[in-house]
Amino acid sequence: MKPFPSRLPNVGTTIFTVMSRLAQEHGAINLSQGFPDFSPPAHLLERVTHHMQAGANQYPPMAGVAPLREAIAEKVARLYGARYDVESEITVTAGATQAIFTAIAAAVRPGDEVIV
C-alpha cells in the first residue's frame, strides 16, 4: 500500500514535550503549556455545569459561537480601541498552538520560505 502523503513537516519532538519532561524530572513548575495547578473558581464550575445541563455541549461552529466572538470583539474594543468584524475577523481556537498552526497553514504554500 502506498503511504499517505502528509503536508505536515516531520518536526519530531516538540519543545513543549521537552520542557514538560524537564519540569517533571527536576520537580519544577511546568510553564511550557497550559497546565494549571489550581482549580477554577466555584462560580465558574457552577456556570459550566448549568450550561452543560442546559444542552450547550455540542460542537460549535468552526469560528466559534457568535456570543463568544461578540464578547471578544467588545473586550478588544474596550481595552485597545480596535474594532473587528465578528463574522470575518475573529476566530476562536482550542489554544495557542492551534491558532499559530491555522494562521501559518492559511498563509504558507508549498515552497514558501518561513523564518521564525
C-alpha atoms as a PDB file:
ATOM      1  CA  MET A   1       0.000   0.000   0.000  1.00  0.00           C
ATOM      2  CA  LYS A   2       1.310   3.450  -0.938  1.00  0.00           C
ATOM      3  CA  PRO A   3       1.985   5.670   2.105  1.00  0.00           C
ATOM      4  CA  PHE A   4      -0.386   8.562   2.686  1.00  0.00           C
ATOM      5  CA  PRO A   5       1.407  11.810   1.745  1.00  0.00           C
ATOM      6  CA  SER A   6       1.442  14.341   4.561  1.00  0.00           C
ATOM      7  CA  ARG A   7       1.595  18.110   4.158  1.00  0.00           C
ATOM      8  CA  LEU A   8       2.914  18.333   7.693  1.00  0.00           C
ATOM      9  CA  PRO A   9       6.670  18.507   8.192  1.00  0.00           C
ATOM     10  CA  ASN A  10       8.460  15.868  10.219  1.00  0.00           C
ATOM     11  CA  VAL A  11       9.002  18.050  13.275  1.00  0.00           C
ATOM     12  CA  GLY A  12       9.973  15.323  15.703  1.00  0.00           C
ATOM     13  CA  THR A  13       9.604  16.010  19.396  1.00  0.00           C
ATOM     14  CA  THR A  14       8.152  19.424  20.173  1.00  0.00           C
ATOM     15  CA  ILE A  15       9.711  21.901  22.580  1.00  0.00           C
ATOM     16  CA  PHE A  16       6.565  21.528  24.700  1.00  0.00           C
ATOM     17  CA  THR A  17       7.277  17.829  25.203  1.00  0.00           C
ATOM     18  CA  VAL A  18      10.931  18.510  26.010  1.00  0.00           C
ATOM     19  CA  MET A  19      10.158  21.267  28.525  1.00  0.00           C
ATOM     20  CA  SER A  20       7.343  19.272  30.156  1.00  0.00           C
ATOM     21  CA  ARG A  21       9.698  16.326  30.625  1.00  0.00           C
ATOM     22  CA  LEU A  22      12.427  18.573  32.085  1.00  0.00           C
ATOM     23  CA  ALA A  23       9.983  20.210  34.503  1.00  0.00           C
ATOM     24  CA  GLN A  24       8.839  16.798  35.694  1.00  0.00           C
ATOM     25  CA  GLU A  25      12.406  15.470  36.037  1.00  0.00           C
ATOM     26  CA  HIS A  26      13.501  18.448  38.133  1.00  0.00           C
ATOM     27  CA  GLY A  27      10.297  18.972  40.120  1.00  0.00           C
ATOM     28  CA  ALA A  28       9.898  22.424  38.579  1.00  0.00           C
ATOM     29  CA  ILE A  29       6.736  24.349  37.749  1.00  0.00           C
ATOM     30  CA  ASN A  30       5.757  23.472  34.185  1.00  0.00           C
ATOM     31  CA  LEU A  31       5.472  26.736  32.261  1.00  0.00           C
ATOM     32  CA  SER A  32       5.723  25.116  28.818  1.00  0.00           C
ATOM     33  CA  GLN A  33       1.969  24.679  28.291  1.00  0.00           C
ATOM     34  CA  GLY A  34      -1.313  25.390  29.990  1.00  0.00           C
ATOM     35  CA  PHE A  35      -1.104  23.072  32.985  1.00  0.00           C
ATOM     36  CA  PRO A  36      -2.805  24.989  35.789  1.00  0.00           C
ATOM     37  CA  ASP A  37      -2.056  23.650  39.251  1.00  0.00           C
ATOM     38  CA  PHE A  38      -5.182  25.182  40.772  1.00  0.00           C
ATOM     39  CA  SER A  39      -8.901  24.566  40.487  1.00  0.00           C
ATOM     40  CA  PRO A  40     -11.171  27.031  38.698  1.00  0.00           C
ATOM     41  CA  PRO A  41     -13.329  29.312  40.866  1.00  0.00           C
ATOM     42  CA  ALA A  42     -16.502  27.604  42.131  1.00  0.00           C
ATOM     43  CA  HIS A  43     -18.811  30.094  40.378  1.00  0.00           C
ATOM     44  CA  LEU A  44     -17.237  29.211  37.004  1.00  0.00           C
ATOM     45  CA  LEU A  45     -17.692  25.496  37.638  1.00  0.00           C
ATOM     46  CA  GLU A  46     -21.336  26.179  38.517  1.00  0.00           C
ATOM     47  CA  ARG A  47     -21.854  28.152  35.267  1.00  0.00           C
ATOM     48  CA  VAL A  48     -20.229  25.420  33.178  1.00  0.00           C
ATOM     49  CA  THR A  49     -22.394  22.779  34.858  1.00  0.00           C
ATOM     50  CA  HIS A  50     -25.520  24.874  34.290  1.00  0.00           C
ATOM     51  CA  HIS A  51     -24.823  25.347  30.583  1.00  0.00           C
ATOM     52  CA  MET A  52     -23.803  21.721  30.031  1.00  0.00           C
ATOM     53  CA  GLN A  53     -27.037  20.522  31.652  1.00  0.00           C
ATOM     54  CA  ALA A  54     -28.975  23.028  29.516  1.00  0.00           C
ATOM     55  CA  GLY A  55     -27.623  21.366  26.359  1.00  0.00           C
ATOM     56  CA  ALA A  56     -24.722  23.660  25.466  1.00  0.00           C
ATOM     57  CA  ASN A  57     -22.466  20.656  24.950  1.00  0.00           C
ATOM     58  CA  GLN A  58     -22.350  20.242  21.178  1.00  0.00           C
ATOM     59  CA  TYR A  59     -19.587  21.051  18.714  1.00  0.00           C
ATOM     60  CA  PRO A  60     -19.590  24.780  17.966  1.00  0.00           C
ATOM     61  CA  PRO A  61     -19.302  26.358  14.515  1.00  0.00           C
ATOM     62  CA  MET A  62     -15.707  26.303  13.219  1.00  0.00           C
ATOM     63  CA  ALA A  63     -15.136  30.003  14.014  1.00  0.00           C
ATOM     64  CA  GLY A  64     -16.665  29.706  17.491  1.00  0.00           C
ATOM     65  CA  VAL A  65     -20.112  30.597  18.798  1.00  0.00           C
ATOM     66  CA  ALA A  66     -21.318  34.095  17.946  1.00  0.00           C
ATOM     67  CA  PRO A  67     -21.829  35.306  21.551  1.00  0.00           C
ATOM     68  CA  LEU A  68     -18.203  34.460  22.406  1.00  0.00           C
ATOM     69  CA  ARG A  69     -16.842  36.161  19.272  1.00  0.00           C
ATOM     70  CA  GLU A  70     -19.013  39.207  20.042  1.00  0.00           C
ATOM     71  CA  ALA A  71     -17.734  39.324  23.632  1.00  0.00           C
ATOM     72  CA  ILE A  72     -14.147  39.116  22.365  1.00  0.00           C
ATOM     73  CA  ALA A  73     -14.768  41.979  19.922  1.00  0.00           C
ATOM     74  CA  GLU A  74     -16.328  44.096  22.679  1.00  0.00           C
ATOM     75  CA  LYS A  75     -13.444  43.455  25.080  1.00  0.00           C
ATOM     76  CA  VAL A  76     -10.797  44.232  22.451  1.00  0.00           C
ATOM     77  CA  ALA A  77     -12.645  47.444  21.550  1.00  0.00           C
ATOM     78  CA  ARG A  78     -12.907  48.436  25.213  1.00  0.00           C
ATOM     79  CA  LEU A  79      -9.281  47.643  26.061  1.00  0.00           C
ATOM     80  CA  TYR A  80      -7.499  48.716  22.882  1.00  0.00           C
ATOM     81  CA  GLY A  81      -9.960  50.814  20.877  1.00  0.00           C
ATOM     82  CA  ALA A  82      -9.671  48.379  17.950  1.00  0.00           C
ATOM     83  CA  ARG A  83     -12.754  47.222  16.062  1.00  0.00           C
ATOM     84  CA  TYR A  84     -13.023  43.800  14.447  1.00  0.00           C
ATOM     85  CA  ASP A  85     -15.822  42.188  12.446  1.00  0.00           C
ATOM     86  CA  VAL A  86     -17.050  39.141  14.374  1.00  0.00           C
ATOM     87  CA  GLU A  87     -18.084  37.355  11.174  1.00  0.00           C
ATOM     88  CA  SER A  88     -14.796  37.638   9.289  1.00  0.00           C
ATOM     89  CA  GLU A  89     -12.025  38.733  11.645  1.00  0.00           C
ATOM     90  CA  ILE A  90     -12.445  36.766  14.891  1.00  0.00           C
ATOM     91  CA  THR A  91     -11.950  33.016  15.161  1.00  0.00           C
ATOM     92  CA  VAL A  92     -11.889  31.055  18.411  1.00  0.00           C
ATOM     93  CA  THR A  93      -9.349  28.232  18.579  1.00  0.00           C
ATOM     94  CA  ALA A  94      -8.645  25.430  21.026  1.00  0.00           C
ATOM     95  CA  GLY A  95      -5.414  27.068  22.173  1.00  0.00           C
ATOM     96  CA  ALA A  96      -2.372  28.986  21.006  1.00  0.00           C
ATOM     97  CA  THR A  97      -0.762  26.066  19.179  1.00  0.00           C
ATOM     98  CA  GLN A  98      -3.859  25.527  17.040  1.00  0.00           C
ATOM     99  CA  ALA A  99      -4.113  29.270  16.373  1.00  0.00           C
ATOM    100  CA  ILE A 100      -0.485  29.508  15.245  1.00  0.00           C
ATOM    101  CA  PHE A 101      -0.779  26.400  13.058  1.00  0.00           C
ATOM    102  CA  THR A 102      -4.021  27.626  11.484  1.00  0.00           C
ATOM    103  CA  ALA A 103      -2.559  31.049  10.690  1.00  0.00           C
ATOM    104  CA  ILE A 104       0.568  29.538   9.144  1.00  0.00           C
ATOM    105  CA  ALA A 105      -1.348  26.858   7.218  1.00  0.00           C
ATOM    106  CA  ALA A 106      -3.636  29.540   5.781  1.00  0.00           C
ATOM    107  CA  ALA A 107      -0.799  31.772   4.599  1.00  0.00           C
ATOM    108  CA  VAL A 108       2.099  29.471   3.699  1.00  0.00           C
ATOM    109  CA  ARG A 109       2.177  27.463   0.481  1.00  0.00           C
ATOM    110  CA  PRO A 110       4.493  24.606  -0.571  1.00  0.00           C
ATOM    111  CA  GLY A 111       7.873  26.063  -1.494  1.00  0.00           C
ATOM    112  CA  ASP A 112       7.471  29.202   0.649  1.00  0.00           C
ATOM    113  CA  GLU A 113      10.336  30.061   2.973  1.00  0.00           C
ATOM    114  CA  VAL A 114       9.320  30.785   6.559  1.00  0.00           C
ATOM    115  CA  ILE A 115      11.705  32.377   9.033  1.00  0.00           C
ATOM    116  CA  VAL A 116      10.711  32.315  12.688  1.00  0.00           C
END
